[in-house]
Amino acid sequence: MEAALKAETTILSGKPIAERVLSTVRQETADLIAKTGVQPGIAVVIAGTDPASQLYVRSKGKRAIECGFKSVEHKLDETVSEEELMALLHTLNADPSIHGILVQLPLPSHINEARIIQEIDPAKDVDGFHLINVGKLTTGMTETAAIPCTPAGCMILIEEVIGKDLSGKSAVVIGRSNIVGKPMASLLLQANATVTIAHSRTKDLPSVCRQADILVAAVGRPEMVKANWIKPGAIVIDVGINRVANPPGSEKPHRIVGDVDFEDCKDVASAITPVPGGVGVMTIALLMANTLKAAKIAAGK
């Protein structure tokens, strides 16, 4: 008897899903304004002239306006002092027209990022990095918590394939950062998955990954995950964004790749996110959703 043919792999493009999230945000923003007069407001603070950060901030501002938000941008010099930055945050914390405050990272090296993040009002911390929001997420109080945007986007992508209930599924997260790895594990646990957090010191990492029905790679190493790391039929979510050099003579000097070797793994997985075009485009959409949520809570909704 011939072996059954493998079902075609689902390429989990984030673009249509992100647009669906944004469409909902636009509609609910219009409803909130009509019913309460409250317009969601977001303030983005950027210090320095890093080109990637500048581009990202412009993209956030454009999306906010498209959603019907009030959008404010504070551009600070590279030499701004920690005290000056904290004073700005205190002003934004006290501004009732601002519901979301986002400090673009990285900050200049003379500023303590952890201290700055904790100065943001937890109710306006739409990145979900404040310790109050971290604690709420870890203990399951997600109704009033701001959930970090990238892990939240990953969960929506996973739900596209297998729904919200992950009972009986084994999930492995490669990476233990406070921004992605740890909150990702918390969200997977809350969806009833059995979760393993793996990292650079995990013994025999490939064999750990092969146990996963859901594999989330967030380690920052270009194309580290190969096909022989993947359980046949697994869902692979690639959070990595890595810039690597192209061979001499190529049309472009660099290209963007994930932590997963997409071409090697796509025929083993049942569903996989591309890079670019997968998780990354979900992040700004979820940032808008978090800002709307903060405005609704402030309005008593």
Protein backbone atom coordinates (compact mmCIF):
# COMPACT_ATOMS: atom_id res chain seq x y z
CA MET A 1 0.00 0.00 0.00
CA GLU A 2 1.33 3.43 -0.87
CA ALA A 3 1.99 5.79 2.01
CA ALA A 4 -0.62 8.47 2.46
CA LEU A 5 0.35 11.83 1.00
CA LYS A 6 1.18 14.53 3.51
CA ALA A 7 -1.40 17.31 3.65
CA GLU A 8 -0.20 20.60 2.23
CA THR A 9 1.53 22.82 4.80
CA THR A 10 -0.40 25.92 5.88
CA ILE A 11 1.67 29.08 5.56
CA LEU A 12 0.48 31.27 8.43
CA SER A 13 0.72 34.74 6.91
CA GLY A 14 0.11 37.38 9.54
CA LYS A 15 -1.09 40.06 7.12
CA PRO A 16 -4.75 39.05 6.66
CA ILE A 17 -5.09 38.14 10.34
CA ALA A 18 -3.55 41.43 11.47
CA GLU A 19 -5.89 43.31 9.15
CA ARG A 20 -8.83 41.47 10.70
CA VAL A 21 -7.69 42.56 14.17
CA LEU A 22 -7.26 46.15 12.97
CA SER A 23 -10.67 46.15 11.33
CA THR A 24 -12.23 45.14 14.66
CA VAL A 25 -10.22 47.83 16.46
CA ARG A 26 -11.40 50.50 14.00
CA GLN A 27 -15.05 49.51 14.44
CA GLU A 28 -14.88 49.30 18.24
CA THR A 29 -13.02 52.63 18.39
CA ALA A 30 -15.78 54.31 16.41
CA ASP A 31 -18.38 52.76 18.73
CA LEU A 32 -16.48 53.90 21.85
CA ILE A 33 -16.22 57.47 20.58
CA ALA A 34 -19.90 57.55 19.58
CA LYS A 35 -21.14 56.16 22.91
CA THR A 36 -18.74 57.79 25.40
CA GLY A 37 -16.86 60.55 23.60
CA VAL A 38 -13.61 58.86 24.61
CA GLN A 39 -11.04 58.68 21.81
CA PRO A 40 -8.20 56.21 22.46
CA GLY A 41 -4.90 58.04 22.69
CA ILE A 42 -1.39 56.64 22.31
CA ALA A 43 1.91 58.38 22.98
CA VAL A 44 5.16 57.00 21.59
CA VAL A 45 8.45 58.16 23.09
CA ILE A 46 11.67 57.70 21.15
CA ALA A 47 15.18 58.81 22.14
CA GLY A 48 17.96 58.94 19.55
CA THR A 49 18.10 58.41 15.79
CA ASP A 50 18.24 54.64 15.31
CA PRO A 51 16.82 54.14 11.76
CA ALA A 52 14.97 50.90 12.56
CA SER A 53 13.34 52.46 15.62
CA GLN A 54 12.37 55.56 13.63
CA LEU A 55 10.73 53.41 10.96
CA TYR A 56 8.87 51.34 13.55
CA VAL A 57 7.60 54.45 15.34
CA ARG A 58 6.30 55.96 12.07
CA SER A 59 4.49 52.70 11.33
CA LYS A 60 2.87 52.71 14.77
CA GLY A 61 1.75 56.31 14.37
CA LYS A 62 0.24 55.62 10.95
CA ARG A 63 -1.68 52.61 12.24
CA ALA A 64 -2.97 54.54 15.25
CA ILE A 65 -4.39 57.29 13.06
CA GLU A 66 -5.96 54.72 10.73
CA CYS A 67 -7.68 53.18 13.78
CA GLY A 68 -9.16 56.54 14.78
CA PHE A 69 -6.81 57.12 17.72
CA LYS A 70 -5.19 60.29 18.93
CA SER A 71 -1.50 59.73 18.18
CA VAL A 72 1.31 61.70 19.83
CA GLU A 73 5.02 61.28 19.20
CA HIS A 74 7.79 62.58 21.46
CA LYS A 75 11.20 62.63 19.78
CA LEU A 76 14.03 63.13 22.26
CA ASP A 77 17.73 63.70 21.72
CA GLU A 78 20.21 60.88 22.23
CA THR A 79 21.60 62.92 25.16
CA VAL A 80 18.29 63.16 27.04
CA SER A 81 18.76 62.50 30.75
CA GLU A 82 16.98 59.77 32.65
CA GLU A 83 15.33 62.42 34.83
CA GLU A 84 14.00 64.31 31.78
CA LEU A 85 12.56 61.11 30.33
CA MET A 86 10.93 60.21 33.63
CA ALA A 87 9.41 63.71 33.89
CA LEU A 88 7.84 63.26 30.44
CA LEU A 89 6.39 59.91 31.47
CA HIS A 90 4.89 61.43 34.61
CA THR A 91 3.21 64.08 32.44
CA LEU A 92 1.81 61.42 30.10
CA ASN A 93 0.66 59.31 33.05
CA ALA A 94 -1.39 62.26 34.24
CA ASP A 95 -2.87 63.10 30.82
CA PRO A 96 -6.44 61.69 30.62
CA SER A 97 -6.40 61.84 26.79
CA ILE A 98 -3.52 59.34 26.65
CA HIS A 99 -4.44 55.68 27.28
CA GLY A 100 -1.32 54.00 25.98
CA ILE A 101 2.33 54.93 26.52
CA LEU A 102 5.04 53.18 24.56
CA VAL A 103 8.75 53.84 25.07
CA GLN A 104 10.62 52.65 21.98
CA LEU A 105 13.52 50.37 22.87
CA PRO A 106 16.49 50.31 22.87
CA LEU A 107 17.11 53.51 24.81
CA PRO A 108 20.50 55.27 24.87
CA SER A 109 23.03 53.31 26.91
CA HIS A 110 23.17 55.82 29.78
CA ILE A 111 19.48 55.26 30.59
CA ASN A 112 18.25 52.39 32.78
CA GLU A 113 15.53 50.80 30.62
CA ALA A 114 14.08 48.70 33.44
CA ARG A 115 13.65 51.77 35.64
CA ILE A 116 11.98 53.73 32.84
CA ILE A 117 9.50 50.94 32.07
CA GLN A 118 8.41 50.82 35.71
CA GLU A 119 7.68 54.58 35.64
CA ILE A 120 4.85 54.03 33.15
CA ASP A 121 1.38 53.84 34.68
CA PRO A 122 0.53 50.10 34.49
CA ALA A 123 -2.92 51.01 33.14
CA LYS A 124 -1.20 52.76 30.20
CA ASP A 125 1.59 50.20 29.69
CA VAL A 126 0.36 48.87 26.34
CA ASP A 127 3.59 46.91 25.80
CA GLY A 128 2.75 44.81 28.87
CA PHE A 129 6.25 45.13 30.35
CA HIS A 130 5.42 46.70 33.74
CA LEU A 131 5.75 44.31 36.67
CA ILE A 132 2.06 44.79 37.53
CA ASN A 133 1.04 43.55 34.09
CA VAL A 134 3.62 40.75 34.20
CA GLY A 135 2.14 39.61 37.50
CA LYS A 136 -1.43 39.79 36.19
CA LEU A 137 -0.53 37.73 33.13
CA THR A 138 1.32 35.11 35.17
CA THR A 139 -1.60 34.70 37.57
CA GLY A 140 -4.24 34.61 34.82
CA MET A 141 -5.77 38.07 35.39
CA THR A 142 -5.77 38.78 31.65
CA GLU A 143 -9.04 40.76 31.56
CA THR A 144 -7.33 43.84 33.01
CA ALA A 145 -3.72 43.07 32.00
CA ALA A 146 -1.87 44.40 28.99
CA ILE A 147 -0.48 41.29 27.31
CA PRO A 148 2.83 41.69 25.44
CA CYS A 149 1.98 42.21 21.78
CA THR A 150 4.23 39.63 20.13
CA PRO A 151 3.15 36.66 22.29
CA ALA A 152 -0.49 37.75 21.96
CA GLY A 153 -0.08 37.77 18.18
CA CYS A 154 1.49 34.31 18.28
CA MET A 155 -1.51 32.97 20.17
CA ILE A 156 -3.92 34.33 17.57
CA LEU A 157 -1.90 32.61 14.83
CA ILE A 158 -1.99 29.32 16.75
CA GLU A 159 -5.75 29.69 17.32
CA GLU A 160 -6.19 30.03 13.55
CA VAL A 161 -5.06 26.41 13.23
CA ILE A 162 -6.32 24.58 16.31
CA GLY A 163 -8.60 26.96 18.25
CA LYS A 164 -8.33 28.43 21.72
CA ASP A 165 -8.22 25.22 23.75
CA LEU A 166 -4.80 23.55 23.56
CA SER A 167 -5.65 20.69 25.93
CA GLY A 168 -3.47 17.66 25.25
CA LYS A 169 -0.97 19.65 23.16
CA SER A 170 2.72 19.79 23.99
CA ALA A 171 4.29 23.22 23.42
CA VAL A 172 7.98 24.12 23.44
CA VAL A 173 9.16 27.74 23.57
CA ILE A 174 12.80 28.30 22.61
CA GLY A 175 13.86 31.44 24.45
CA ARG A 176 13.26 32.78 27.95
CA SER A 177 13.16 36.55 27.45
CA ASN A 178 10.79 38.71 29.47
CA ILE A 179 9.42 40.19 26.23
CA VAL A 180 8.53 36.98 24.37
CA GLY A 181 9.60 33.66 25.90
CA LYS A 182 8.16 33.92 29.41
CA PRO A 183 4.83 35.61 28.52
CA MET A 184 4.45 33.17 25.61
CA ALA A 185 4.75 30.27 28.04
CA SER A 186 2.15 31.85 30.35
CA LEU A 187 -0.35 32.27 27.51
CA LEU A 188 0.15 28.69 26.34
CA LEU A 189 -0.36 27.42 29.89
CA GLN A 190 -3.59 29.39 30.20
CA ALA A 191 -4.78 27.73 26.98
CA ASN A 192 -4.18 24.33 28.68
CA ALA A 193 -1.05 23.32 26.76
CA THR A 194 1.73 21.39 28.48
CA VAL A 195 4.65 23.81 28.20
CA THR A 196 8.43 23.48 28.16
CA ILE A 197 10.71 26.53 28.06
CA ALA A 198 13.99 25.68 26.34
CA HIS A 199 17.05 27.88 26.00
CA SER A 200 20.79 27.98 25.28
CA ARG A 201 21.59 25.68 28.21
CA THR A 202 18.94 23.08 27.47
CA LYS A 203 20.48 19.63 27.04
CA ASP A 204 19.89 18.09 23.58
CA LEU A 205 17.69 20.93 22.37
CA PRO A 206 16.71 19.24 19.07
CA SER A 207 15.22 16.24 20.87
CA VAL A 208 13.26 18.54 23.21
CA CYS A 209 11.85 20.40 20.21
CA ARG A 210 10.85 17.16 18.49
CA GLN A 211 8.35 16.51 21.30
CA ALA A 212 6.40 19.68 20.47
CA ASP A 213 3.01 19.81 18.82
CA ILE A 214 3.53 23.60 18.93
CA LEU A 215 7.04 25.01 18.58
CA VAL A 216 7.70 28.72 19.18
CA ALA A 217 11.21 29.90 18.25
CA ALA A 218 12.24 33.18 19.90
CA VAL A 219 15.97 32.87 20.42
CA GLY A 220 17.52 35.33 17.95
CA ARG A 221 19.76 32.90 16.06
CA PRO A 222 19.34 32.88 12.26
CA GLU A 223 17.79 29.68 10.87
CA MET A 224 18.87 27.64 13.89
CA VAL A 225 15.85 25.32 13.86
CA LYS A 226 16.17 22.64 11.17
CA ALA A 227 13.75 20.06 9.80
CA ASN A 228 15.11 17.30 12.04
CA TRP A 229 14.10 19.41 15.07
CA ILE A 230 10.43 19.37 14.02
CA LYS A 231 7.84 16.77 14.94
CA PRO A 232 5.98 15.85 11.73
CA GLY A 233 2.73 17.81 11.66
CA ALA A 234 3.79 20.35 14.29
CA ILE A 235 2.78 24.02 14.23
CA VAL A 236 5.90 26.21 13.99
CA ILE A 237 5.76 29.86 15.06
CA ASP A 238 8.92 31.80 14.18
CA VAL A 239 9.38 35.01 16.19
CA GLY A 240 12.96 35.62 15.05
CA ILE A 241 13.93 38.60 12.89
CA ASN A 242 17.58 38.34 11.87
CA ARG A 243 19.53 40.32 9.27
CA VAL A 244 22.05 38.16 7.43
CA ALA A 245 24.44 38.86 4.57
CA ASN A 246 23.62 37.62 1.08
CA PRO A 247 26.29 35.96 -1.09
CA PRO A 248 28.50 38.34 -3.11
CA GLY A 249 26.84 39.48 -6.33
CA SER A 250 23.30 39.28 -4.92
CA GLU A 251 20.81 42.00 -5.77
CA LYS A 252 20.58 43.03 -2.10
CA PRO A 253 23.45 42.88 0.41
CA HIS A 254 21.26 41.52 3.22
CA ARG A 255 18.05 39.57 3.79
CA ILE A 256 15.75 39.03 6.77
CA VAL A 257 15.39 35.47 8.10
CA GLY A 258 13.81 33.92 11.16
CA ASP A 259 15.11 31.56 13.82
CA VAL A 260 13.66 28.67 11.77
CA ASP A 261 15.08 27.44 8.48
CA PHE A 262 11.81 27.96 6.63
CA GLU A 263 12.68 26.10 3.43
CA ASP A 264 14.04 23.13 5.37
CA CYS A 265 11.10 22.92 7.79
CA LYS A 266 8.04 23.84 5.76
CA ASP A 267 7.48 20.34 4.38
CA VAL A 268 7.62 18.77 7.87
CA ALA A 269 5.34 21.18 9.74
CA SER A 270 1.57 21.25 9.29
CA ALA A 271 1.61 25.05 9.66
CA ILE A 272 4.48 27.54 9.76
CA THR A 273 4.92 31.31 9.87
CA PRO A 274 7.11 33.00 7.27
CA VAL A 275 9.72 35.66 8.04
CA PRO A 276 9.05 38.37 7.14
CA GLY A 277 5.25 38.47 6.94
CA GLY A 278 4.33 36.23 9.84
CA VAL A 279 4.48 37.20 13.51
CA GLY A 280 6.02 40.64 12.94
CA VAL A 281 2.98 42.18 11.30
CA MET A 282 0.80 41.00 14.18
CA THR A 283 2.73 43.00 16.79
CA ILE A 284 1.54 46.49 15.80
CA ALA A 285 -2.04 45.21 15.38
CA LEU A 286 -2.01 43.91 18.95
CA LEU A 287 -0.48 47.17 20.17
CA MET A 288 -3.53 48.96 18.76
CA ALA A 289 -5.82 46.39 20.40
CA ASN A 290 -4.10 46.93 23.76
CA THR A 291 -4.52 50.70 23.47
CA LEU A 292 -8.23 50.32 22.72
CA LYS A 293 -8.58 47.96 25.67
CA ALA A 294 -6.90 50.51 27.97
CA ALA A 295 -9.23 53.25 26.71
CA LYS A 296 -12.28 51.04 27.29
CA ILE A 297 -11.19 50.27 30.85
CA ALA A 298 -10.59 54.00 31.49
CA ALA A 299 -14.09 54.72 30.16
CA GLY A 300 -15.64 52.08 32.40
CA LYS A 301 -16.34 49.73 29.51
